[in-house]
C-alpha atoms as a PDB file:
ATOM      1  CA  UNK A   1       5.462  21.240  -6.929  1.00  0.00           C
ATOM      2  CA  UNK A   2       5.278  17.684  -8.161  1.00  0.00           C
ATOM      3  CA  UNK A   3       4.341  14.811  -5.910  1.00  0.00           C
ATOM      4  CA  UNK A   4       7.263  12.600  -4.911  1.00  0.00           C
ATOM      5  CA  UNK A   5       7.131   9.197  -3.216  1.00  0.00           C
ATOM      6  CA  UNK A   6       9.795   7.183  -1.446  1.00  0.00           C
ATOM      7  CA  UNK A   7       9.246   3.656  -0.140  1.00  0.00           C
ATOM      8  CA  UNK A   8      11.627   1.962   2.281  1.00  0.00           C
ATOM      9  CA  UNK A   9      11.354  -1.432   3.913  1.00  0.00           C
ATOM     10  CA  UNK A  10      11.754  -0.916   7.653  1.00  0.00           C
ATOM     11  CA  UNK A  11      11.753  -4.540   8.833  1.00  0.00           C
ATOM     12  CA  UNK A  12      13.017  -7.634   7.090  1.00  0.00           C
ATOM     13  CA  UNK A  13      11.149 -10.640   5.844  1.00  0.00           C
ATOM     14  CA  UNK A  14      13.294 -12.664   8.255  1.00  0.00           C
ATOM     15  CA  UNK A  15      10.917 -11.590  11.055  1.00  0.00           C
ATOM     16  CA  UNK A  16       7.981 -13.083   9.162  1.00  0.00           C
ATOM     17  CA  UNK A  17       9.876 -16.273   8.412  1.00  0.00           C
ATOM     18  CA  UNK A  18      10.822 -16.781  12.056  1.00  0.00           C
ATOM     19  CA  UNK A  19       7.283 -16.064  13.250  1.00  0.00           C
ATOM     20  CA  UNK A  20       5.894 -18.624  10.807  1.00  0.00           C
ATOM     21  CA  UNK A  21       8.516 -21.161  11.903  1.00  0.00           C
ATOM     22  CA  UNK A  22       7.564 -20.609  15.556  1.00  0.00           C
ATOM     23  CA  UNK A  23       3.955 -21.571  14.828  1.00  0.00           C
ATOM     24  CA  UNK A  24       5.057 -24.975  13.551  1.00  0.00           C
ATOM     25  CA  UNK A  25       7.613 -25.609  16.302  1.00  0.00           C
ATOM     26  CA  UNK A  26      10.756 -24.849  14.300  1.00  0.00           C
ATOM     27  CA  UNK A  27      13.789 -22.854  15.389  1.00  0.00           C
ATOM     28  CA  UNK A  28      14.416 -19.396  13.905  1.00  0.00           C
ATOM     29  CA  UNK A  29      16.714 -18.948  10.929  1.00  0.00           C
ATOM     30  CA  UNK A  30      18.961 -16.015  10.202  1.00  0.00           C
ATOM     31  CA  UNK A  31      18.190 -15.607   6.521  1.00  0.00           C
ATOM     32  CA  UNK A  32      15.992 -13.913   3.989  1.00  0.00           C
ATOM     33  CA  UNK A  33      13.168 -16.272   2.999  1.00  0.00           C
ATOM     34  CA  UNK A  34      12.636 -17.413  -0.558  1.00  0.00           C
ATOM     35  CA  UNK A  35      10.499 -15.584  -3.093  1.00  0.00           C
ATOM     36  CA  UNK A  36       8.101 -18.536  -2.927  1.00  0.00           C
ATOM     37  CA  UNK A  37       7.686 -18.204   0.866  1.00  0.00           C
ATOM     38  CA  UNK A  38       6.996 -14.488   0.518  1.00  0.00           C
ATOM     39  CA  UNK A  39       4.423 -14.953  -2.248  1.00  0.00           C
ATOM     40  CA  UNK A  40       2.689 -17.829  -0.463  1.00  0.00           C
ATOM     41  CA  UNK A  41       2.487 -15.756   2.732  1.00  0.00           C
ATOM     42  CA  UNK A  42       1.169 -12.708   0.877  1.00  0.00           C
ATOM     43  CA  UNK A  43      -1.445 -14.565  -1.177  1.00  0.00           C
ATOM     44  CA  UNK A  44      -2.637 -16.422   1.942  1.00  0.00           C
ATOM     45  CA  UNK A  45      -2.493 -13.200   3.954  1.00  0.00           C
ATOM     46  CA  UNK A  46      -1.097 -15.119   6.901  1.00  0.00           C
ATOM     47  CA  UNK A  47      -0.498 -13.117  10.063  1.00  0.00           C
ATOM     48  CA  UNK A  48       3.304 -13.061   9.711  1.00  0.00           C
ATOM     49  CA  UNK A  49       3.061 -10.524   6.877  1.00  0.00           C
ATOM     50  CA  UNK A  50       2.040  -7.932   9.485  1.00  0.00           C
ATOM     51  CA  UNK A  51       5.638  -8.077  10.741  1.00  0.00           C
ATOM     52  CA  UNK A  52       7.047  -6.776   7.458  1.00  0.00           C
ATOM     53  CA  UNK A  53       6.852  -3.002   7.691  1.00  0.00           C
ATOM     54  CA  UNK A  54       7.415  -0.101   5.315  1.00  0.00           C
ATOM     55  CA  UNK A  55       7.723   3.671   5.372  1.00  0.00           C
ATOM     56  CA  UNK A  56       5.935   5.492   2.587  1.00  0.00           C
ATOM     57  CA  UNK A  57       7.112   9.097   2.431  1.00  0.00           C
ATOM     58  CA  UNK A  58       5.197  11.590   0.322  1.00  0.00           C
ATOM     59  CA  UNK A  59       6.552  15.004  -0.547  1.00  0.00           C
ATOM     60  CA  UNK A  60       3.927  17.554  -1.583  1.00  0.00           C
ATOM     61  CA  UNK A  61       0.940  15.225  -1.196  1.00  0.00           C
ATOM     62  CA  UNK A  62      -2.354  17.089  -1.237  1.00  0.00           C
ATOM     63  CA  UNK A  63      -3.820  17.159   2.255  1.00  0.00           C
ATOM     64  CA  UNK A  64      -7.093  15.509   1.197  1.00  0.00           C
ATOM     65  CA  UNK A  65      -5.310  12.609  -0.535  1.00  0.00           C
ATOM     66  CA  UNK A  66      -3.452  11.917   2.708  1.00  0.00           C
ATOM     67  CA  UNK A  67      -6.810  11.746   4.477  1.00  0.00           C
ATOM     68  CA  UNK A  68      -7.903   9.027   2.034  1.00  0.00           C
ATOM     69  CA  UNK A  69      -4.811   6.980   2.886  1.00  0.00           C
ATOM     70  CA  UNK A  70      -4.779   7.388   6.643  1.00  0.00           C
ATOM     71  CA  UNK A  71      -8.360   6.073   6.934  1.00  0.00           C
ATOM     72  CA  UNK A  72      -7.146   2.504   6.496  1.00  0.00           C
ATOM     73  CA  UNK A  73      -6.410   0.245   9.489  1.00  0.00           C
ATOM     74  CA  UNK A  74      -2.789  -0.310  10.523  1.00  0.00           C
ATOM     75  CA  UNK A  75      -1.601   2.990   9.048  1.00  0.00           C
ATOM     76  CA  UNK A  76       0.511   5.122  11.355  1.00  0.00           C
ATOM     77  CA  UNK A  77       0.650   8.621   9.834  1.00  0.00           C
ATOM     78  CA  UNK A  78       3.192  11.343  10.555  1.00  0.00           C
ATOM     79  CA  UNK A  79       1.948  14.480   8.842  1.00  0.00           C
ATOM     80  CA  UNK A  80       3.678  17.844   8.784  1.00  0.00           C
ATOM     81  CA  UNK A  81       1.614  20.001  11.123  1.00  0.00           C
ATOM     82  CA  UNK A  82      -0.288  22.909   9.650  1.00  0.00           C
ATOM     83  CA  UNK A  83      -0.172  24.785  12.967  1.00  0.00           C
ATOM     84  CA  UNK A  84       0.801  28.390  12.434  1.00  0.00           C
ATOM     85  CA  UNK A  85       3.317  28.215  15.297  1.00  0.00           C
ATOM     86  CA  UNK A  86       5.073  25.208  13.728  1.00  0.00           C
ATOM     87  CA  UNK A  87       5.536  26.352  10.144  1.00  0.00           C
ATOM     88  CA  UNK A  88       5.268  29.339   7.881  1.00  0.00           C
ATOM     89  CA  UNK A  89       1.890  28.974   6.240  1.00  0.00           C
ATOM     90  CA  UNK A  90       1.073  31.096   3.195  1.00  0.00           C
ATOM     91  CA  UNK A  91      -2.357  31.757   4.731  1.00  0.00           C
ATOM     92  CA  UNK A  92      -3.772  31.224   8.228  1.00  0.00           C
ATOM     93  CA  UNK A  93      -4.377  27.552   8.993  1.00  0.00           C
ATOM     94  CA  UNK A  94      -8.171  27.974   9.078  1.00  0.00           C
ATOM     95  CA  UNK A  95      -8.075  29.289   5.521  1.00  0.00           C
ATOM     96  CA  UNK A  96      -5.758  26.671   3.999  1.00  0.00           C
ATOM     97  CA  UNK A  97      -7.386  24.746   1.157  1.00  0.00           C
ATOM     98  CA  UNK A  98      -7.670  20.953   1.288  1.00  0.00           C
ATOM     99  CA  UNK A  99      -5.449  20.800  -1.772  1.00  0.00           C
ATOM    100  CA  UNK A 100      -2.499  22.311   0.069  1.00  0.00           C
ATOM    101  CA  UNK A 101       0.655  20.250  -0.520  1.00  0.00           C
ATOM    102  CA  UNK A 102       2.103  18.645   2.569  1.00  0.00           C
ATOM    103  CA  UNK A 103       4.829  16.174   3.485  1.00  0.00           C
ATOM    104  CA  UNK A 104       3.385  13.010   4.958  1.00  0.00           C
ATOM    105  CA  UNK A 105       4.935   9.726   6.069  1.00  0.00           C
ATOM    106  CA  UNK A 106       2.933   6.564   6.577  1.00  0.00           C
ATOM    107  CA  UNK A 107       4.239   3.520   8.414  1.00  0.00           C
ATOM    108  CA  UNK A 108       2.398   0.417   7.286  1.00  0.00           C
ATOM    109  CA  UNK A 109       2.763  -3.339   7.269  1.00  0.00           C
ATOM    110  CA  UNK A 110       2.358  -5.616   4.261  1.00  0.00           C
ATOM    111  CA  UNK A 111      -1.273  -6.403   5.127  1.00  0.00           C
ATOM    112  CA  UNK A 112      -2.143  -2.698   5.218  1.00  0.00           C
ATOM    113  CA  UNK A 113      -0.477  -2.184   1.825  1.00  0.00           C
ATOM    114  CA  UNK A 114      -2.606  -4.991   0.351  1.00  0.00           C
ATOM    115  CA  UNK A 115      -5.795  -3.566   1.872  1.00  0.00           C
ATOM    116  CA  UNK A 116      -5.093  -0.007   0.751  1.00  0.00           C
ATOM    117  CA  UNK A 117      -4.305  -1.204  -2.771  1.00  0.00           C
ATOM    118  CA  UNK A 118      -7.663  -2.938  -3.115  1.00  0.00           C
ATOM    119  CA  UNK A 119      -9.521   0.312  -2.471  1.00  0.00           C
ATOM    120  CA  UNK A 120      -7.167   2.981  -3.771  1.00  0.00           C
ATOM    121  CA  UNK A 121      -6.243   1.343  -7.105  1.00  0.00           C
ATOM    122  CA  UNK A 122      -9.948   0.900  -7.867  1.00  0.00           C
ATOM    123  CA  UNK A 123     -11.398   3.162 -10.562  1.00  0.00           C
ATOM    124  CA  UNK A 124     -14.014   4.283  -8.027  1.00  0.00           C
ATOM    125  CA  UNK A 125     -11.254   5.921  -5.951  1.00  0.00           C
ATOM    126  CA  UNK A 126     -10.480   9.523  -6.818  1.00  0.00           C
ATOM    127  CA  UNK A 127      -8.152   9.857  -9.783  1.00  0.00           C
ATOM    128  CA  UNK A 128      -5.557  11.750  -7.734  1.00  0.00           C
ATOM    129  CA  UNK A 129      -5.538   9.194  -4.915  1.00  0.00           C
ATOM    130  CA  UNK A 130      -5.319   6.349  -7.425  1.00  0.00           C
ATOM    131  CA  UNK A 131      -2.345   8.040  -9.125  1.00  0.00           C
ATOM    132  CA  UNK A 132      -0.577   8.620  -5.786  1.00  0.00           C
ATOM    133  CA  UNK A 133      -1.054   4.981  -4.752  1.00  0.00           C
ATOM    134  CA  UNK A 134       0.076   3.772  -8.183  1.00  0.00           C
ATOM    135  CA  UNK A 135       3.294   5.702  -7.549  1.00  0.00           C
ATOM    136  CA  UNK A 136       3.644   3.750  -4.290  1.00  0.00           C
ATOM    137  CA  UNK A 137       3.112   0.477  -6.165  1.00  0.00           C
ATOM    138  CA  UNK A 138       5.721   1.448  -8.773  1.00  0.00           C
ATOM    139  CA  UNK A 139       8.252   2.203  -6.012  1.00  0.00           C
ATOM    140  CA  UNK A 140       7.313  -0.997  -4.181  1.00  0.00           C
ATOM    141  CA  UNK A 141       8.319  -2.999  -7.274  1.00  0.00           C
ATOM    142  CA  UNK A 142      11.884  -1.856  -6.591  1.00  0.00           C
ATOM    143  CA  UNK A 143      11.786  -2.399  -2.808  1.00  0.00           C
ATOM    144  CA  UNK A 144       9.687  -5.573  -2.451  1.00  0.00           C
ATOM    145  CA  UNK A 145       8.585  -6.993  -5.805  1.00  0.00           C
ATOM    146  CA  UNK A 146       6.642  -9.826  -4.163  1.00  0.00           C
ATOM    147  CA  UNK A 147       4.446  -7.369  -2.277  1.00  0.00           C
ATOM    148  CA  UNK A 148       3.962  -5.288  -5.423  1.00  0.00           C
ATOM    149  CA  UNK A 149       2.638  -8.443  -7.112  1.00  0.00           C
ATOM    150  CA  UNK A 150      -0.336  -8.605  -4.735  1.00  0.00           C
ATOM    151  CA  UNK A 151      -1.052  -4.853  -4.782  1.00  0.00           C
ATOM    152  CA  UNK A 152      -4.171  -5.188  -6.929  1.00  0.00           C
ATOM    153  CA  UNK A 153      -7.568  -3.558  -7.059  1.00  0.00           C
ATOM    154  CA  UNK A 154     -10.536  -5.200  -5.348  1.00  0.00           C
ATOM    155  CA  UNK A 155     -12.136  -6.586  -8.512  1.00  0.00           C
ATOM    156  CA  UNK A 156      -8.901  -8.323  -9.525  1.00  0.00           C
ATOM    157  CA  UNK A 157      -8.519  -9.800  -6.029  1.00  0.00           C
ATOM    158  CA  UNK A 158     -12.123 -10.999  -5.797  1.00  0.00           C
ATOM    159  CA  UNK A 159     -12.730 -11.890  -9.434  1.00  0.00           C
ATOM    160  CA  UNK A 160     -15.741  -9.577  -9.652  1.00  0.00           C
ATOM    161  CA  UNK A 161     -16.650  -5.991  -8.820  1.00  0.00           C
ATOM    162  CA  UNK A 162     -18.041  -5.620  -5.279  1.00  0.00           C
ATOM    163  CA  UNK A 163     -18.739  -1.870  -5.599  1.00  0.00           C
ATOM    164  CA  UNK A 164     -22.278  -0.515  -5.354  1.00  0.00           C
ATOM    165  CA  UNK A 165     -21.795   1.182  -8.703  1.00  0.00           C
ATOM    166  CA  UNK A 166     -19.484  -0.778 -10.953  1.00  0.00           C
ATOM    167  CA  UNK A 167     -17.190   1.289 -13.188  1.00  0.00           C
ATOM    168  CA  UNK A 168     -17.263  -1.392 -15.893  1.00  0.00           C
ATOM    169  CA  UNK A 169     -13.537  -2.193 -15.772  1.00  0.00           C
ATOM    170  CA  UNK A 170     -14.343  -5.833 -14.950  1.00  0.00           C
ATOM    171  CA  UNK A 171     -15.887  -6.139 -18.430  1.00  0.00           C
ATOM    172  CA  UNK A 172     -12.732  -5.184 -20.292  1.00  0.00           C
ATOM    173  CA  UNK A 173      -9.835  -7.144 -21.809  1.00  0.00           C
ATOM    174  CA  UNK A 174      -7.457  -5.183 -19.527  1.00  0.00           C
ATOM    175  CA  UNK A 175      -9.275  -6.581 -16.502  1.00  0.00           C
ATOM    176  CA  UNK A 176      -8.870 -10.131 -17.813  1.00  0.00           C
ATOM    177  CA  UNK A 177      -5.124  -9.506 -18.273  1.00  0.00           C
ATOM    178  CA  UNK A 178      -4.748  -8.172 -14.729  1.00  0.00           C
ATOM    179  CA  UNK A 179      -6.664 -11.109 -13.234  1.00  0.00           C
ATOM    180  CA  UNK A 180      -4.587 -13.588 -15.233  1.00  0.00           C
ATOM    181  CA  UNK A 181      -1.297 -11.937 -14.200  1.00  0.00           C
ATOM    182  CA  UNK A 182      -2.366 -11.846 -10.537  1.00  0.00           C
ATOM    183  CA  UNK A 183      -3.497 -15.474 -10.437  1.00  0.00           C
ATOM    184  CA  UNK A 184      -0.494 -16.765 -12.375  1.00  0.00           C
ATOM    185  CA  UNK A 185       1.871 -15.156  -9.816  1.00  0.00           C
ATOM    186  CA  UNK A 186       0.534 -17.374  -7.008  1.00  0.00           C
ATOM    187  CA  UNK A 187       2.899 -20.276  -6.312  1.00  0.00           C
ATOM    188  CA  UNK A 188       1.490 -23.779  -6.203  1.00  0.00           C
END
């Protein structure tokens, strides 16, 4: 069984636009905001980005990887129960390994996606979790390319490695390229 990921945008950016307009005393608009508005909102991490919501559906995600993802704030998980009375388990629930594949859906907002990316794209995250979240980022490029632009690891976001044991990535040419691409995407 190979891991599969599907990302869908559940609420429109119009909600975020209208919320931002409310804060400055403007009337709502019935339109999709510009790419520039989206990027400015995402880079600033203004509160309206919490109104843009997504469903991330995993098929055959290892149980323990799902635990890594659901630890983050503003993640609403819906995980296929392992209860013996709710599904046909190959072994009793108490004996199921952590690596058992499971279908798991996560409902998240744009801020949660940014926060998860900082930790789960980091080289200090487990390889399997990093690969699963990279799959989410790749799918997000198709669904919301502006959000995918700010889905970066912590060292790229901060400009240095904040981890207690640096992996050394921040000393590589690849790191410099990622930082440059991230910073150059920010609108003036």
